[in-house]
Amino acid sequence: ALEMVGGAFAPFAYVRPAHSPDGRHVAYYSATHRPLGETRLERAAATFGQREGRPFLHVHGIWSEPDGERRGG
């Protein structure tokens, strides 16, 4: 696990919880969001591991997108 404080990402991509499109899943994810420009990280906690044999990062955090909107997930 890691804790991240501060910094910026460009590009930045994320998904958020969403309703299942087929009703077969209790939890599902939105389409990938990709804000244009630099996204500023406030704080995040991440778990690093592998998924299907590839590196995988699961993160929950708070950030500000280029439009100034503060978001989290």
PDB file of N, CA and C in Angstrom:
ATOM      1  N   ALA A   1       0.848  -1.186   0.000  1.00  0.00           N
ATOM      2  CA  ALA A   1       0.000   0.000   0.000  1.00  0.00           C
ATOM      3  C   ALA A   1       0.887   1.239   0.000  1.00  0.00           C
ATOM      4  N   LEU A   2       0.413   2.303  -0.582  1.00  0.00           N
ATOM      5  CA  LEU A   2       1.132   3.565  -0.588  1.00  0.00           C
ATOM      6  C   LEU A   2       0.201   4.722  -0.285  1.00  0.00           C
ATOM      7  N   GLU A   3       0.791   5.785   0.251  1.00  0.00           N
ATOM      8  CA  GLU A   3       0.064   7.028   0.448  1.00  0.00           C
ATOM      9  C   GLU A   3       0.731   8.071  -0.437  1.00  0.00           C
ATOM     10  N   MET A   4      -0.079   8.831  -1.171  1.00  0.00           N
ATOM     11  CA  MET A   4       0.443   9.871  -2.049  1.00  0.00           C
ATOM     12  C   MET A   4      -0.126  11.209  -1.602  1.00  0.00           C
ATOM     13  N   VAL A   5       0.732  12.220  -1.517  1.00  0.00           N
ATOM     14  CA  VAL A   5       0.306  13.559  -1.114  1.00  0.00           C
ATOM     15  C   VAL A   5       0.931  14.544  -2.088  1.00  0.00           C
ATOM     16  N   GLY A   6       0.102  15.342  -2.752  1.00  0.00           N
ATOM     17  CA  GLY A   6       0.585  16.342  -3.689  1.00  0.00           C
ATOM     18  C   GLY A   6       1.016  15.744  -5.006  1.00  0.00           C
ATOM     19  N   GLY A   7       1.422  16.604  -5.910  1.00  0.00           N
ATOM     20  CA  GLY A   7       1.881  16.172  -7.222  1.00  0.00           C
ATOM     21  C   GLY A   7       0.841  16.437  -8.288  1.00  0.00           C
ATOM     22  N   ALA A   8       1.181  16.062  -9.498  1.00  0.00           N
ATOM     23  CA  ALA A   8       0.294  16.289 -10.637  1.00  0.00           C
ATOM     24  C   ALA A   8       0.443  15.157 -11.642  1.00  0.00           C
ATOM     25  N   PHE A   9      -0.603  14.961 -12.436  1.00  0.00           N
ATOM     26  CA  PHE A   9      -0.615  13.921 -13.463  1.00  0.00           C
ATOM     27  C   PHE A   9      -1.117  14.511 -14.774  1.00  0.00           C
ATOM     28  N   ALA A  10      -0.451  14.157 -15.847  1.00  0.00           N
ATOM     29  CA  ALA A  10      -0.915  14.490 -17.189  1.00  0.00           C
ATOM     30  C   ALA A  10      -0.249  13.493 -18.128  1.00  0.00           C
ATOM     31  N   PRO A  11      -0.973  12.555 -18.666  1.00  0.00           N
ATOM     32  CA  PRO A  11      -2.434  12.418 -18.589  1.00  0.00           C
ATOM     33  C   PRO A  11      -2.888  11.793 -17.270  1.00  0.00           C
ATOM     34  N   PHE A  12      -4.186  11.891 -17.035  1.00  0.00           N
ATOM     35  CA  PHE A  12      -4.819  11.324 -15.841  1.00  0.00           C
ATOM     36  C   PHE A  12      -6.091  10.633 -16.301  1.00  0.00           C
ATOM     37  N   ALA A  13      -6.331   9.424 -15.823  1.00  0.00           N
ATOM     38  CA  ALA A  13      -7.527   8.674 -16.211  1.00  0.00           C
ATOM     39  C   ALA A  13      -8.072   7.956 -14.991  1.00  0.00           C
ATOM     40  N   TYR A  14      -9.414   7.882 -14.906  1.00  0.00           N
ATOM     41  CA  TYR A  14     -10.030   7.203 -13.769  1.00  0.00           C
ATOM     42  C   TYR A  14     -11.427   6.720 -14.120  1.00  0.00           C
ATOM     43  N   VAL A  15     -11.918   5.787 -13.320  1.00  0.00           N
ATOM     44  CA  VAL A  15     -13.307   5.324 -13.402  1.00  0.00           C
ATOM     45  C   VAL A  15     -13.957   5.589 -12.055  1.00  0.00           C
ATOM     46  N   ARG A  16     -15.280   5.607 -12.051  1.00  0.00           N
ATOM     47  CA  ARG A  16     -16.037   5.833 -10.818  1.00  0.00           C
ATOM     48  C   ARG A  16     -17.100   4.746 -10.701  1.00  0.00           C
ATOM     49  N   PRO A  17     -17.644   4.549  -9.508  1.00  0.00           N
ATOM     50  CA  PRO A  17     -18.738   3.595  -9.373  1.00  0.00           C
ATOM     51  C   PRO A  17     -19.911   4.018 -10.258  1.00  0.00           C
ATOM     52  N   ALA A  18     -20.592   3.038 -10.816  1.00  0.00           N
ATOM     53  CA  ALA A  18     -21.732   3.305 -11.698  1.00  0.00           C
ATOM     54  C   ALA A  18     -22.696   2.124 -11.637  1.00  0.00           C
ATOM     55  N   HIS A  19     -23.898   2.331 -12.149  1.00  0.00           N
ATOM     56  CA  HIS A  19     -24.877   1.248 -12.229  1.00  0.00           C
ATOM     57  C   HIS A  19     -24.440   0.237 -13.284  1.00  0.00           C
ATOM     58  N   SER A  20     -24.724  -1.018 -13.025  1.00  0.00           N
ATOM     59  CA  SER A  20     -24.403  -2.073 -13.983  1.00  0.00           C
ATOM     60  C   SER A  20     -25.277  -1.906 -15.225  1.00  0.00           C
ATOM     61  N   PRO A  21     -24.686  -1.944 -16.413  1.00  0.00           N
ATOM     62  CA  PRO A  21     -25.489  -1.785 -17.624  1.00  0.00           C
ATOM     63  C   PRO A  21     -26.399  -2.978 -17.907  1.00  0.00           C
ATOM     64  N   ASP A  22     -26.089  -4.143 -17.332  1.00  0.00           N
ATOM     65  CA  ASP A  22     -26.890  -5.332 -17.614  1.00  0.00           C
ATOM     66  C   ASP A  22     -27.653  -5.854 -16.396  1.00  0.00           C
ATOM     67  N   GLY A  23     -27.504  -5.217 -15.236  1.00  0.00           N
ATOM     68  CA  GLY A  23     -28.223  -5.643 -14.040  1.00  0.00           C
ATOM     69  C   GLY A  23     -27.684  -6.920 -13.407  1.00  0.00           C
ATOM     70  N   ARG A  24     -26.603  -7.468 -13.927  1.00  0.00           N
ATOM     71  CA  ARG A  24     -26.053  -8.717 -13.387  1.00  0.00           C
ATOM     72  C   ARG A  24     -24.996  -8.487 -12.320  1.00  0.00           C
ATOM     73  N   HIS A  25     -24.565  -7.247 -12.126  1.00  0.00           N
ATOM     74  CA  HIS A  25     -23.519  -6.947 -11.156  1.00  0.00           C
ATOM     75  C   HIS A  25     -24.039  -5.989 -10.092  1.00  0.00           C
ATOM     76  N   VAL A  26     -23.614  -6.187  -8.871  1.00  0.00           N
ATOM     77  CA  VAL A  26     -23.980  -5.281  -7.784  1.00  0.00           C
ATOM     78  C   VAL A  26     -23.173  -3.993  -7.901  1.00  0.00           C
ATOM     79  N   ALA A  27     -21.903  -4.130  -8.192  1.00  0.00           N
ATOM     80  CA  ALA A  27     -21.017  -2.973  -8.342  1.00  0.00           C
ATOM     81  C   ALA A  27     -20.455  -2.975  -9.760  1.00  0.00           C
ATOM     82  N   TYR A  28     -20.310  -1.794 -10.315  1.00  0.00           N
ATOM     83  CA  TYR A  28     -19.793  -1.670 -11.675  1.00  0.00           C
ATOM     84  C   TYR A  28     -19.028  -0.360 -11.777  1.00  0.00           C
ATOM     85  N   TYR A  29     -18.418  -0.103 -12.907  1.00  0.00           N
ATOM     86  CA  TYR A  29     -17.628   1.107 -13.096  1.00  0.00           C
ATOM     87  C   TYR A  29     -18.091   1.881 -14.316  1.00  0.00           C
ATOM     88  N   SER A  30     -17.898   3.194 -14.249  1.00  0.00           N
ATOM     89  CA  SER A  30     -18.237   4.083 -15.359  1.00  0.00           C
ATOM     90  C   SER A  30     -17.250   3.878 -16.511  1.00  0.00           C
ATOM     91  N   ALA A  31     -17.528   4.555 -17.592  1.00  0.00           N
ATOM     92  CA  ALA A  31     -16.543   4.644 -18.666  1.00  0.00           C
ATOM     93  C   ALA A  31     -15.339   5.398 -18.102  1.00  0.00           C
ATOM     94  N   THR A  32     -14.191   5.271 -18.729  1.00  0.00           N
ATOM     95  CA  THR A  32     -12.990   5.950 -18.262  1.00  0.00           C
ATOM     96  C   THR A  32     -13.083   7.446 -18.523  1.00  0.00           C
ATOM     97  N   HIS A  33     -12.817   8.231 -17.481  1.00  0.00           N
ATOM     98  CA  HIS A  33     -12.759   9.697 -17.595  1.00  0.00           C
ATOM     99  C   HIS A  33     -11.303  10.076 -17.841  1.00  0.00           C
ATOM    100  N   ARG A  34     -11.081  10.991 -18.782  1.00  0.00           N
ATOM    101  CA  ARG A  34      -9.729  11.434 -19.119  1.00  0.00           C
ATOM    102  C   ARG A  34      -9.715  12.949 -19.267  1.00  0.00           C
ATOM    103  N   PRO A  35      -9.600  13.691 -18.151  1.00  0.00           N
ATOM    104  CA  PRO A  35      -9.571  15.144 -18.264  1.00  0.00           C
ATOM    105  C   PRO A  35      -8.332  15.606 -19.034  1.00  0.00           C
ATOM    106  N   LEU A  36      -8.511  16.626 -19.862  1.00  0.00           N
ATOM    107  CA  LEU A  36      -7.406  17.167 -20.648  1.00  0.00           C
ATOM    108  C   LEU A  36      -6.609  18.159 -19.812  1.00  0.00           C
ATOM    109  N   GLY A  37      -5.314  18.060 -19.849  1.00  0.00           N
ATOM    110  CA  GLY A  37      -4.460  18.964 -19.087  1.00  0.00           C
ATOM    111  C   GLY A  37      -3.942  18.303 -17.824  1.00  0.00           C
ATOM    112  N   GLU A  38      -3.441  19.124 -16.922  1.00  0.00           N
ATOM    113  CA  GLU A  38      -2.814  18.641 -15.689  1.00  0.00           C
ATOM    114  C   GLU A  38      -3.824  18.522 -14.555  1.00  0.00           C
ATOM    115  N   THR A  39      -3.867  17.369 -13.920  1.00  0.00           N
ATOM    116  CA  THR A  39      -4.710  17.124 -12.757  1.00  0.00           C
ATOM    117  C   THR A  39      -3.827  17.146 -11.522  1.00  0.00           C
ATOM    118  N   ARG A  40      -4.217  17.931 -10.525  1.00  0.00           N
ATOM    119  CA  ARG A  40      -3.425  18.109  -9.295  1.00  0.00           C
ATOM    120  C   ARG A  40      -3.947  17.176  -8.200  1.00  0.00           C
ATOM    121  N   LEU A  41      -3.064  16.370  -7.652  1.00  0.00           N
ATOM    122  CA  LEU A  41      -3.412  15.446  -6.585  1.00  0.00           C
ATOM    123  C   LEU A  41      -3.356  16.143  -5.228  1.00  0.00           C
ATOM    124  N   GLU A  42      -4.408  15.962  -4.437  1.00  0.00           N
ATOM    125  CA  GLU A  42      -4.385  16.456  -3.057  1.00  0.00           C
ATOM    126  C   GLU A  42      -3.846  15.370  -2.135  1.00  0.00           C
ATOM    127  N   ARG A  43      -4.507  14.217  -2.170  1.00  0.00           N
ATOM    128  CA  ARG A  43      -4.094  13.095  -1.313  1.00  0.00           C
ATOM    129  C   ARG A  43      -4.760  11.821  -1.853  1.00  0.00           C
ATOM    130  N   ALA A  44      -4.053  10.691  -1.730  1.00  0.00           N
ATOM    131  CA  ALA A  44      -4.612   9.417  -2.182  1.00  0.00           C
ATOM    132  C   ALA A  44      -3.969   8.258  -1.428  1.00  0.00           C
ATOM    133  N   ALA A  45      -4.695   7.165  -1.352  1.00  0.00           N
ATOM    134  CA  ALA A  45      -4.182   5.904  -0.816  1.00  0.00           C
ATOM    135  C   ALA A  45      -4.312   4.869  -1.926  1.00  0.00           C
ATOM    136  N   ALA A  46      -3.266   4.092  -2.132  1.00  0.00           N
ATOM    137  CA  ALA A  46      -3.253   3.135  -3.232  1.00  0.00           C
ATOM    138  C   ALA A  46      -2.805   1.762  -2.767  1.00  0.00           C
ATOM    139  N   THR A  47      -3.344   0.751  -3.391  1.00  0.00           N
ATOM    140  CA  THR A  47      -2.911  -0.623  -3.203  1.00  0.00           C
ATOM    141  C   THR A  47      -2.335  -1.077  -4.539  1.00  0.00           C
ATOM    142  N   PHE A  48      -1.125  -1.572  -4.522  1.00  0.00           N
ATOM    143  CA  PHE A  48      -0.447  -2.014  -5.733  1.00  0.00           C
ATOM    144  C   PHE A  48      -0.336  -3.522  -5.725  1.00  0.00           C
ATOM    145  N   GLY A  49      -0.607  -4.131  -6.856  1.00  0.00           N
ATOM    146  CA  GLY A  49      -0.501  -5.581  -6.966  1.00  0.00           C
ATOM    147  C   GLY A  49      -0.564  -6.005  -8.416  1.00  0.00           C
ATOM    148  N   GLN A  50      -1.140  -7.191  -8.641  1.00  0.00           N
ATOM    149  CA  GLN A  50      -1.303  -7.704  -9.996  1.00  0.00           C
ATOM    150  C   GLN A  50      -2.748  -8.106 -10.217  1.00  0.00           C
ATOM    151  N   ARG A  51      -3.192  -7.944 -11.442  1.00  0.00           N
ATOM    152  CA  ARG A  51      -4.525  -8.364 -11.860  1.00  0.00           C
ATOM    153  C   ARG A  51      -4.371  -8.975 -13.241  1.00  0.00           C
ATOM    154  N   GLU A  52      -4.786 -10.225 -13.371  1.00  0.00           N
ATOM    155  CA  GLU A  52      -4.662 -10.961 -14.630  1.00  0.00           C
ATOM    156  C   GLU A  52      -3.219 -10.955 -15.139  1.00  0.00           C
ATOM    157  N   GLY A  53      -2.257 -11.074 -14.187  1.00  0.00           N
ATOM    158  CA  GLY A  53      -0.863 -11.175 -14.536  1.00  0.00           C
ATOM    159  C   GLY A  53      -0.184  -9.867 -14.899  1.00  0.00           C
ATOM    160  N   ARG A  54      -0.875  -8.740 -14.729  1.00  0.00           N
ATOM    161  CA  ARG A  54      -0.306  -7.437 -15.075  1.00  0.00           C
ATOM    162  C   ARG A  54      -0.310  -6.531 -13.853  1.00  0.00           C
ATOM    163  N   PRO A  55       0.609  -5.551 -13.792  1.00  0.00           N
ATOM    164  CA  PRO A  55       0.607  -4.603 -12.665  1.00  0.00           C
ATOM    165  C   PRO A  55      -0.740  -3.889 -12.576  1.00  0.00           C
ATOM    166  N   PHE A  56      -1.215  -3.686 -11.357  1.00  0.00           N
ATOM    167  CA  PHE A  56      -2.526  -3.076 -11.144  1.00  0.00           C
ATOM    168  C   PHE A  56      -2.464  -2.154  -9.932  1.00  0.00           C
ATOM    169  N   LEU A  57      -3.101  -1.013 -10.030  1.00  0.00           N
ATOM    170  CA  LEU A  57      -3.132  -0.021  -8.968  1.00  0.00           C
ATOM    171  C   LEU A  57      -4.589   0.328  -8.682  1.00  0.00           C
ATOM    172  N   HIS A  58      -5.006   0.179  -7.429  1.00  0.00           N
ATOM    173  CA  HIS A  58      -6.360   0.550  -6.997  1.00  0.00           C
ATOM    174  C   HIS A  58      -6.208   1.739  -6.060  1.00  0.00           C
ATOM    175  N   VAL A  59      -6.800   2.880  -6.431  1.00  0.00           N
ATOM    176  CA  VAL A  59      -6.562   4.131  -5.715  1.00  0.00           C
ATOM    177  C   VAL A  59      -7.879   4.787  -5.304  1.00  0.00           C
ATOM    178  N   HIS A  60      -7.892   5.366  -4.119  1.00  0.00           N
ATOM    179  CA  HIS A  60      -8.965   6.251  -3.677  1.00  0.00           C
ATOM    180  C   HIS A  60      -8.286   7.561  -3.311  1.00  0.00           C
ATOM    181  N   GLY A  61      -8.810   8.668  -3.811  1.00  0.00           N
ATOM    182  CA  GLY A  61      -8.144   9.922  -3.539  1.00  0.00           C
ATOM    183  C   GLY A  61      -9.006  11.144  -3.777  1.00  0.00           C
ATOM    184  N   ILE A  62      -8.375  12.294  -3.638  1.00  0.00           N
ATOM    185  CA  ILE A  62      -8.993  13.600  -3.871  1.00  0.00           C
ATOM    186  C   ILE A  62      -8.054  14.365  -4.793  1.00  0.00           C
ATOM    187  N   TRP A  63      -8.612  14.971  -5.848  1.00  0.00           N
ATOM    188  CA  TRP A  63      -7.813  15.696  -6.822  1.00  0.00           C
ATOM    189  C   TRP A  63      -8.598  16.861  -7.387  1.00  0.00           C
ATOM    190  N   SER A  64      -7.899  17.754  -8.072  1.00  0.00           N
ATOM    191  CA  SER A  64      -8.527  18.871  -8.777  1.00  0.00           C
ATOM    192  C   SER A  64      -8.199  18.744 -10.250  1.00  0.00           C
ATOM    193  N   GLU A  65      -9.238  18.742 -11.064  1.00  0.00           N
ATOM    194  CA  GLU A  65      -9.061  18.621 -12.507  1.00  0.00           C
ATOM    195  C   GLU A  65      -8.714  19.983 -13.111  1.00  0.00           C
ATOM    196  N   PRO A  66      -8.269  20.011 -14.369  1.00  0.00           N
ATOM    197  CA  PRO A  66      -7.864  21.269 -14.990  1.00  0.00           C
ATOM    198  C   PRO A  66      -8.938  22.362 -14.974  1.00  0.00           C
ATOM    199  N   ASP A  67     -10.215  21.980 -14.924  1.00  0.00           N
ATOM    200  CA  ASP A  67     -11.292  22.988 -14.886  1.00  0.00           C
ATOM    201  C   ASP A  67     -11.480  23.569 -13.482  1.00  0.00           C
ATOM    202  N   GLY A  68     -10.657  23.094 -12.501  1.00  0.00           N
ATOM    203  CA  GLY A  68     -10.752  23.582 -11.124  1.00  0.00           C
ATOM    204  C   GLY A  68     -11.693  22.783 -10.245  1.00  0.00           C
ATOM    205  N   GLU A  69     -12.443  21.857 -10.839  1.00  0.00           N
ATOM    206  CA  GLU A  69     -13.387  21.039 -10.080  1.00  0.00           C
ATOM    207  C   GLU A  69     -12.635  20.041  -9.204  1.00  0.00           C
ATOM    208  N   ARG A  70     -12.976  20.038  -7.920  1.00  0.00           N
ATOM    209  CA  ARG A  70     -12.381  19.099  -6.974  1.00  0.00           C
ATOM    210  C   ARG A  70     -13.213  17.820  -6.996  1.00  0.00           C
ATOM    211  N   ARG A  71     -12.572  16.698  -7.188  1.00  0.00           N
ATOM    212  CA  ARG A  71     -13.277  15.422  -7.299  1.00  0.00           C
ATOM    213  C   ARG A  71     -12.598  14.387  -6.402  1.00  0.00           C
ATOM    214  N   GLY A  72     -13.286  13.290  -6.201  1.00  0.00           N
ATOM    215  CA  GLY A  72     -12.726  12.206  -5.419  1.00  0.00           C
ATOM    216  C   GLY A  72     -13.326  10.894  -5.850  1.00  0.00           C
ATOM    217  N   GLY A  73     -12.683   9.849  -5.488  1.00  0.00           N
ATOM    218  CA  GLY A  73     -13.201   8.533  -5.823  1.00  0.00           C
ATOM    219  C   GLY A  73     -12.171   7.475  -5.549  1.00  0.00           C
TER     220      GLY A  73
END
